[in-house]
Amino acid sequence: LSGGNDGLNTVVPFGMPEYYRARPGIAIPEKDALKLSGADGIGLHPGLGAMKDLYDDGLCTIVQGVGYPNPNRSHFKSMDIWHTADTSATGDGWLGRYFDSECCGFGAGESGTAPEGGAKVAAPSGGPPGIAIGRTAPLAMEGRQIKPVAFESAELFKWSGVDIHNSLRDPYAALNRRAESEANIPKGDTNAAFLMRTALDAQVSSDLIRKAVAKRPQTTFPNNEIGRQLSMVSSMIGAGLKTRVYYTTLGSFDTHAGQGGPQGRHRNLLEQFSQSVKALYAELKAQGNDQRVLTLTFSEFGRRVGQNQSQGTDHGTAAPSFLF
């Protein structure tokens, strides 16, 4: 939830009078909060009705007050800390370290390593270990050995040389035909071997992903950006890709002004989020995959307790995370 989601209006402490004194213009009234069973004085924003359904079904856990020591209120620095799991914000992504540790049987890791400074690549048999939906892969997924795949839409995840000029088609096809035979790949950890494996693995991964996403889901997803992203993820899971982690993003949570209380901009974002996650788990259940998938949400920081003069909230520290 990019931008710094306001945790206090997401998981609402309606049992605390201090909350209403600090937020006279944007607090969620007790009558509007979706009260949680077993949590006296705590409820959800009224825009999270779909999440309340998941919570009541035992499919949602709320972890409050998640952050890190000596918090930094810069979007960029705080996001780097979240992505590296390191308060110095240096090093590889925490998911990237997992890929390096557990997924080096993918692609080139099975029969050799990449040249110095290179990356082992995804397994042609099942797809890359990490896929991010977006223009760039997040730092969290960047390892030293294995790199994630990132694309905005499956249609764009393909070799585009033929779109530049038709004369590029045959050399590219010849390269991949050569790489399909192990005998044609140069021996050892050479640049030529690495490039041939990378070209072949990228082509096969592209074919797998575009074929998977082309299949329509069995259920209906909301017609918004996060719904589109999670629909693609569900299709790739349903197709049996060997991918371990999928990463999606919903932005615009930097609500310095006009945040709104029960209604408004923040509610619209929370509705998109919760309805799309509920649709994801309905689709996964239809596939028989709902017990195989854990979803974690996070935001780089929460917002301050008191509202500002623009009927919004400024950068804060800890905030709730959700596990589905």
Protein backbone atom coordinates (compact mmCIF):
# COMPACT_ATOMS: atom_id res chain seq x y z
CA LEU A 1 0.00 0.00 0.00
CA SER A 2 2.38 2.61 -1.34
CA GLY A 3 2.56 6.13 0.05
CA GLY A 4 2.10 5.46 3.75
CA ASN A 5 -1.33 4.06 4.64
CA ASP A 6 -3.10 5.67 7.60
CA GLY A 7 -3.29 2.79 10.04
CA LEU A 8 -5.49 4.56 12.60
CA ASN A 9 -8.34 5.05 10.14
CA THR A 10 -7.80 1.56 8.71
CA VAL A 11 -7.90 -0.36 12.01
CA VAL A 12 -9.98 2.05 14.08
CA PRO A 13 -9.49 2.41 17.88
CA PHE A 14 -13.06 3.63 18.39
CA GLY A 15 -12.88 2.72 22.08
CA MET A 16 -10.27 5.43 22.75
CA PRO A 17 -11.50 9.02 23.28
CA GLU A 18 -7.97 10.28 22.54
CA TYR A 19 -8.43 9.15 18.94
CA TYR A 20 -11.46 11.43 18.47
CA ARG A 21 -9.80 14.39 20.20
CA ALA A 22 -6.80 14.12 17.86
CA ARG A 23 -8.92 13.75 14.71
CA PRO A 24 -12.06 15.86 15.04
CA GLY A 25 -12.54 16.13 11.26
CA ILE A 26 -11.48 12.73 9.88
CA ALA A 27 -12.01 10.14 12.64
CA ILE A 28 -14.28 7.18 11.89
CA PRO A 29 -17.39 7.39 14.12
CA GLU A 30 -18.00 4.37 16.30
CA LYS A 31 -21.33 3.76 14.58
CA ASP A 32 -19.56 3.41 11.20
CA ALA A 33 -16.64 1.22 12.29
CA LEU A 34 -16.93 -2.47 11.39
CA LYS A 35 -16.50 -4.02 14.81
CA LEU A 36 -14.22 -7.05 15.07
CA SER A 37 -15.22 -10.01 17.20
CA GLY A 38 -12.83 -10.64 20.06
CA ALA A 39 -11.30 -7.15 19.78
CA ASP A 40 -13.02 -4.76 22.19
CA GLY A 41 -12.89 -1.17 21.02
CA ILE A 42 -11.29 -2.03 17.66
CA GLY A 43 -12.93 -2.05 14.24
CA LEU A 44 -12.26 -1.64 10.55
CA HIS A 45 -12.85 1.34 8.28
CA PRO A 46 -16.34 1.06 6.70
CA GLY A 47 -14.68 0.71 3.30
CA LEU A 48 -13.19 -2.63 4.38
CA GLY A 49 -16.40 -4.66 4.30
CA ALA A 50 -14.78 -7.30 2.07
CA MET A 51 -11.88 -7.61 4.50
CA LYS A 52 -14.35 -7.97 7.39
CA ASP A 53 -15.85 -10.95 5.54
CA LEU A 54 -12.40 -12.54 5.27
CA TYR A 55 -11.73 -11.82 8.95
CA ASP A 56 -15.04 -13.40 10.00
CA ASP A 57 -14.19 -16.46 7.90
CA GLY A 58 -10.84 -16.84 9.67
CA LEU A 59 -8.85 -15.86 6.56
CA CYS A 60 -7.46 -12.51 7.74
CA THR A 61 -5.10 -11.66 10.59
CA ILE A 62 -4.29 -8.09 11.63
CA VAL A 63 -0.85 -7.33 13.10
CA GLN A 64 -0.84 -3.90 14.68
CA GLY A 65 2.04 -1.51 15.31
CA VAL A 66 4.49 -2.90 12.74
CA GLY A 67 7.56 -0.77 12.14
CA TYR A 68 11.29 -0.55 12.87
CA PRO A 69 13.53 1.28 15.41
CA ASN A 70 14.28 5.00 14.98
CA PRO A 71 11.80 5.35 12.08
CA ASN A 72 12.61 7.49 9.07
CA ARG A 73 9.70 9.48 7.59
CA SER A 74 11.17 9.74 4.10
CA HIS A 75 9.20 7.66 1.59
CA PHE A 76 12.37 6.55 -0.16
CA LYS A 77 14.55 5.76 2.87
CA SER A 78 11.71 4.05 4.72
CA MET A 79 10.79 1.94 1.69
CA ASP A 80 14.44 0.88 1.31
CA ILE A 81 14.45 -0.21 4.96
CA TRP A 82 11.28 -2.25 4.46
CA HIS A 83 12.66 -3.81 1.27
CA THR A 84 16.05 -4.76 2.71
CA ALA A 85 14.83 -5.62 6.24
CA ASP A 86 17.86 -3.62 7.39
CA THR A 87 17.69 -0.27 9.20
CA SER A 88 20.85 0.83 7.38
CA ALA A 89 18.88 0.31 4.13
CA THR A 90 21.84 -1.38 2.44
CA GLY A 91 22.29 -4.73 0.80
CA ASP A 92 19.97 -7.02 -1.10
CA GLY A 93 16.22 -7.36 -0.77
CA TRP A 94 14.94 -9.73 1.91
CA LEU A 95 13.01 -11.75 -0.67
CA GLY A 96 16.04 -11.66 -2.96
CA ARG A 97 18.10 -13.27 -0.18
CA TYR A 98 15.43 -15.96 0.07
CA PHE A 99 15.61 -16.56 -3.69
CA ASP A 100 19.40 -16.82 -3.56
CA SER A 101 19.25 -19.24 -0.64
CA GLU A 102 16.38 -21.47 -1.71
CA CYS A 103 15.84 -21.08 -5.45
CA CYS A 104 19.27 -21.52 -7.06
CA GLY A 105 18.06 -24.73 -8.68
CA PHE A 106 16.22 -22.46 -11.11
CA GLY A 107 17.66 -22.00 -14.58
CA ALA A 108 21.42 -21.57 -14.83
CA GLY A 109 21.82 -22.52 -11.19
CA GLU A 110 21.20 -26.16 -12.15
CA SER A 111 24.25 -26.54 -14.32
CA GLY A 112 26.54 -23.62 -13.68
CA THR A 113 26.78 -20.10 -12.37
CA ALA A 114 26.53 -16.80 -14.13
CA PRO A 115 29.61 -14.82 -15.12
CA GLU A 116 31.00 -12.48 -12.48
CA GLY A 117 28.37 -9.89 -11.67
CA GLY A 118 25.70 -11.74 -13.65
CA ALA A 119 22.45 -13.26 -12.48
CA LYS A 120 21.23 -16.81 -12.52
CA VAL A 121 18.05 -16.90 -14.49
CA ALA A 122 14.61 -18.43 -14.24
CA ALA A 123 13.83 -22.06 -14.86
CA PRO A 124 12.33 -22.64 -18.31
CA SER A 125 10.27 -25.48 -16.85
CA GLY A 126 8.14 -23.40 -14.53
CA GLY A 127 8.67 -19.65 -14.54
CA PRO A 128 10.88 -17.30 -12.51
CA PRO A 129 11.00 -17.45 -8.68
CA GLY A 130 9.77 -13.86 -8.32
CA ILE A 131 7.34 -11.86 -10.46
CA ALA A 132 6.44 -8.20 -9.86
CA ILE A 133 3.54 -6.51 -11.61
CA GLY A 134 4.81 -3.05 -12.53
CA ARG A 135 7.39 -1.13 -14.54
CA THR A 136 10.28 -2.07 -12.27
CA ALA A 137 11.01 -4.88 -9.85
CA PRO A 138 11.02 -3.85 -6.18
CA LEU A 139 14.27 -3.86 -4.23
CA ALA A 140 12.77 -6.49 -1.90
CA MET A 141 13.01 -9.08 -4.69
CA GLU A 142 16.53 -8.24 -5.86
CA GLY A 143 19.08 -10.92 -4.95
CA ARG A 144 22.72 -11.29 -5.88
CA GLN A 145 22.18 -14.50 -7.83
CA ILE A 146 18.56 -14.49 -8.95
CA LYS A 147 16.69 -11.50 -10.33
CA PRO A 148 12.91 -11.12 -10.54
CA VAL A 149 10.82 -10.54 -13.62
CA ALA A 150 8.72 -7.36 -13.80
CA PHE A 151 6.07 -6.35 -16.32
CA GLU A 152 2.98 -4.13 -16.38
CA SER A 153 1.01 -6.44 -18.62
CA ALA A 154 1.68 -9.90 -20.00
CA GLU A 155 1.40 -8.56 -23.56
CA LEU A 156 4.47 -6.39 -22.94
CA PHE A 157 6.54 -9.28 -21.55
CA LYS A 158 7.92 -10.50 -24.86
CA TRP A 159 10.85 -9.97 -27.18
CA SER A 160 10.06 -6.77 -29.08
CA GLY A 161 12.85 -6.78 -31.68
CA VAL A 162 10.49 -7.87 -34.44
CA ASP A 163 8.41 -4.76 -33.73
CA ILE A 164 11.50 -2.67 -34.49
CA HIS A 165 12.36 -4.38 -37.77
CA ASN A 166 11.38 -7.70 -39.31
CA SER A 167 15.01 -8.48 -40.16
CA LEU A 168 15.67 -9.12 -36.44
CA ARG A 169 13.28 -12.08 -36.31
CA ASP A 170 15.47 -14.78 -37.86
CA PRO A 171 18.70 -14.14 -35.86
CA TYR A 172 16.72 -14.21 -32.61
CA ALA A 173 14.93 -17.43 -33.57
CA ALA A 174 18.26 -19.00 -34.56
CA LEU A 175 19.80 -18.09 -31.20
CA ASN A 176 16.96 -19.75 -29.31
CA ARG A 177 17.03 -22.84 -31.54
CA ARG A 178 20.74 -23.24 -30.77
CA ALA A 179 20.17 -22.77 -27.02
CA GLU A 180 17.45 -25.42 -26.93
CA SER A 181 20.18 -28.05 -27.36
CA GLU A 182 22.63 -28.36 -24.46
CA ALA A 183 25.31 -29.42 -26.94
CA ASN A 184 25.16 -26.02 -28.64
CA ILE A 185 25.69 -24.00 -25.46
CA PRO A 186 29.35 -23.12 -24.84
CA LYS A 187 30.89 -24.99 -21.93
CA GLY A 188 31.88 -23.28 -18.70
CA ASP A 189 30.79 -20.03 -17.11
CA THR A 190 31.32 -17.89 -20.17
CA ASN A 191 29.46 -14.79 -21.24
CA ALA A 192 28.29 -16.59 -24.38
CA ALA A 193 26.80 -19.45 -22.35
CA PHE A 194 25.13 -17.04 -19.96
CA LEU A 195 23.62 -14.97 -22.78
CA MET A 196 22.29 -18.03 -24.60
CA ARG A 197 20.69 -19.43 -21.45
CA THR A 198 19.25 -16.04 -20.58
CA ALA A 199 17.72 -15.60 -24.04
CA LEU A 200 16.14 -19.04 -23.98
CA ASP A 201 14.88 -18.78 -20.40
CA ALA A 202 13.40 -15.34 -21.03
CA GLN A 203 11.59 -16.59 -24.14
CA VAL A 204 10.19 -19.68 -22.41
CA SER A 205 9.16 -17.67 -19.32
CA SER A 206 7.46 -15.14 -21.59
CA ASP A 207 5.53 -17.88 -23.36
CA LEU A 208 4.49 -19.49 -20.06
CA ILE A 209 3.34 -16.22 -18.48
CA ARG A 210 1.45 -14.90 -21.49
CA LYS A 211 -0.30 -18.26 -21.95
CA ALA A 212 -1.25 -18.33 -18.24
CA VAL A 213 -2.60 -14.78 -18.12
CA ALA A 214 -4.62 -15.31 -21.31
CA LYS A 215 -6.92 -17.69 -19.42
CA ARG A 216 -9.94 -15.97 -17.93
CA PRO A 217 -10.44 -16.38 -14.17
CA GLN A 218 -13.44 -18.34 -12.92
CA THR A 219 -14.58 -15.46 -10.70
CA THR A 220 -14.99 -11.71 -11.24
CA PHE A 221 -12.36 -9.21 -10.15
CA PRO A 222 -13.00 -5.48 -9.52
CA ASN A 223 -12.39 -3.24 -12.50
CA ASN A 224 -9.47 -1.32 -11.04
CA GLU A 225 -5.67 -1.49 -11.16
CA ILE A 226 -5.09 -3.68 -8.11
CA GLY A 227 -7.94 -5.95 -9.23
CA ARG A 228 -6.22 -6.31 -12.62
CA GLN A 229 -2.90 -7.12 -10.99
CA LEU A 230 -4.34 -9.75 -8.64
CA SER A 231 -6.35 -11.27 -11.49
CA MET A 232 -3.08 -11.83 -13.38
CA VAL A 233 -1.47 -13.31 -10.28
CA SER A 234 -4.38 -15.72 -9.79
CA SER A 235 -4.10 -16.84 -13.41
CA MET A 236 -0.37 -17.54 -13.06
CA ILE A 237 -0.96 -19.49 -9.84
CA GLY A 238 -3.78 -21.42 -11.51
CA ALA A 239 -1.52 -22.30 -14.43
CA GLY A 240 0.93 -23.98 -12.07
CA LEU A 241 3.91 -21.65 -12.49
CA LYS A 242 6.70 -22.49 -10.07
CA THR A 243 6.96 -18.84 -9.01
CA ARG A 244 7.30 -18.51 -5.22
CA VAL A 245 6.48 -14.81 -4.73
CA TYR A 246 4.27 -12.33 -6.58
CA TYR A 247 4.47 -8.60 -5.81
CA THR A 248 1.71 -6.07 -6.52
CA THR A 249 1.25 -2.40 -5.62
CA LEU A 250 -1.64 -0.07 -4.90
CA GLY A 251 -0.57 3.57 -4.67
CA SER A 252 -1.86 7.01 -3.63
CA PHE A 253 -1.92 6.44 0.15
CA ASP A 254 0.03 9.67 0.80
CA THR A 255 -3.06 11.43 2.17
CA HIS A 256 -1.75 14.81 3.32
CA ALA A 257 -4.98 16.56 2.34
CA GLY A 258 -8.64 15.68 1.86
CA GLN A 259 -8.24 12.20 3.33
CA GLY A 260 -11.84 11.96 4.45
CA GLY A 261 -13.33 9.92 7.27
CA PRO A 262 -16.06 7.36 6.60
CA GLN A 263 -16.25 8.67 3.02
CA GLY A 264 -13.67 10.14 0.67
CA ARG A 265 -10.36 9.34 -0.94
CA HIS A 266 -9.02 6.95 1.69
CA ARG A 267 -12.23 4.92 1.65
CA ASN A 268 -12.00 4.52 -2.12
CA LEU A 269 -8.46 3.10 -1.84
CA LEU A 270 -9.39 0.72 0.98
CA GLU A 271 -12.43 -0.54 -0.95
CA GLN A 272 -10.27 -1.27 -4.01
CA PHE A 273 -7.77 -3.11 -1.84
CA SER A 274 -10.18 -5.23 0.20
CA GLN A 275 -12.55 -6.12 -2.62
CA SER A 276 -9.64 -7.19 -4.83
CA VAL A 277 -8.08 -9.39 -2.12
CA LYS A 278 -11.46 -11.00 -1.46
CA ALA A 279 -11.82 -11.69 -5.20
CA LEU A 280 -8.31 -13.19 -5.24
CA TYR A 281 -9.18 -15.70 -2.52
CA ALA A 282 -12.50 -16.55 -4.14
CA GLU A 283 -10.60 -17.36 -7.34
CA LEU A 284 -7.94 -19.34 -5.49
CA LYS A 285 -10.65 -21.33 -3.72
CA ALA A 286 -12.28 -22.12 -7.07
CA GLN A 287 -8.87 -23.40 -8.25
CA GLY A 288 -8.27 -25.38 -5.06
CA ASN A 289 -5.24 -23.20 -4.28
CA ASP A 290 -6.56 -21.02 -1.45
CA GLN A 291 -4.69 -22.99 1.25
CA ARG A 292 -1.39 -22.67 -0.64
CA VAL A 293 -1.17 -18.88 -0.84
CA LEU A 294 -0.27 -16.40 1.92
CA THR A 295 -0.68 -12.69 1.22
CA LEU A 296 1.18 -10.03 3.22
CA THR A 297 0.42 -6.31 2.96
CA PHE A 298 2.67 -3.50 4.16
CA SER A 299 3.17 0.23 3.76
CA GLU A 300 6.40 2.18 4.23
CA PHE A 301 5.02 3.94 7.33
CA GLY A 302 1.77 4.94 8.99
CA ARG A 303 0.45 8.47 9.60
CA ARG A 304 0.63 10.73 12.64
CA VAL A 305 -2.04 10.49 15.31
CA GLY A 306 -3.27 14.07 14.95
CA GLN A 307 -4.84 15.33 11.73
CA ASN A 308 -3.28 18.33 9.99
CA GLN A 309 -4.90 21.60 8.92
CA SER A 310 -5.65 20.21 5.45
CA GLN A 311 -8.00 17.52 6.75
CA GLY A 312 -5.33 14.92 6.13
CA THR A 313 -2.49 13.19 7.94
CA ASP A 314 1.28 13.57 7.76
CA HIS A 315 4.02 10.94 7.71
CA GLY A 316 4.14 8.80 10.85
CA THR A 317 5.75 5.59 12.00
CA ALA A 318 4.32 2.14 12.73
CA ALA A 319 1.09 0.84 11.19
CA PRO A 320 -0.90 -2.39 10.83
CA SER A 321 -0.02 -5.16 8.41
CA PHE A 322 -2.45 -7.80 7.18
CA LEU A 323 -1.99 -11.51 6.50
CA PHE A 324 -4.51 -13.37 4.37
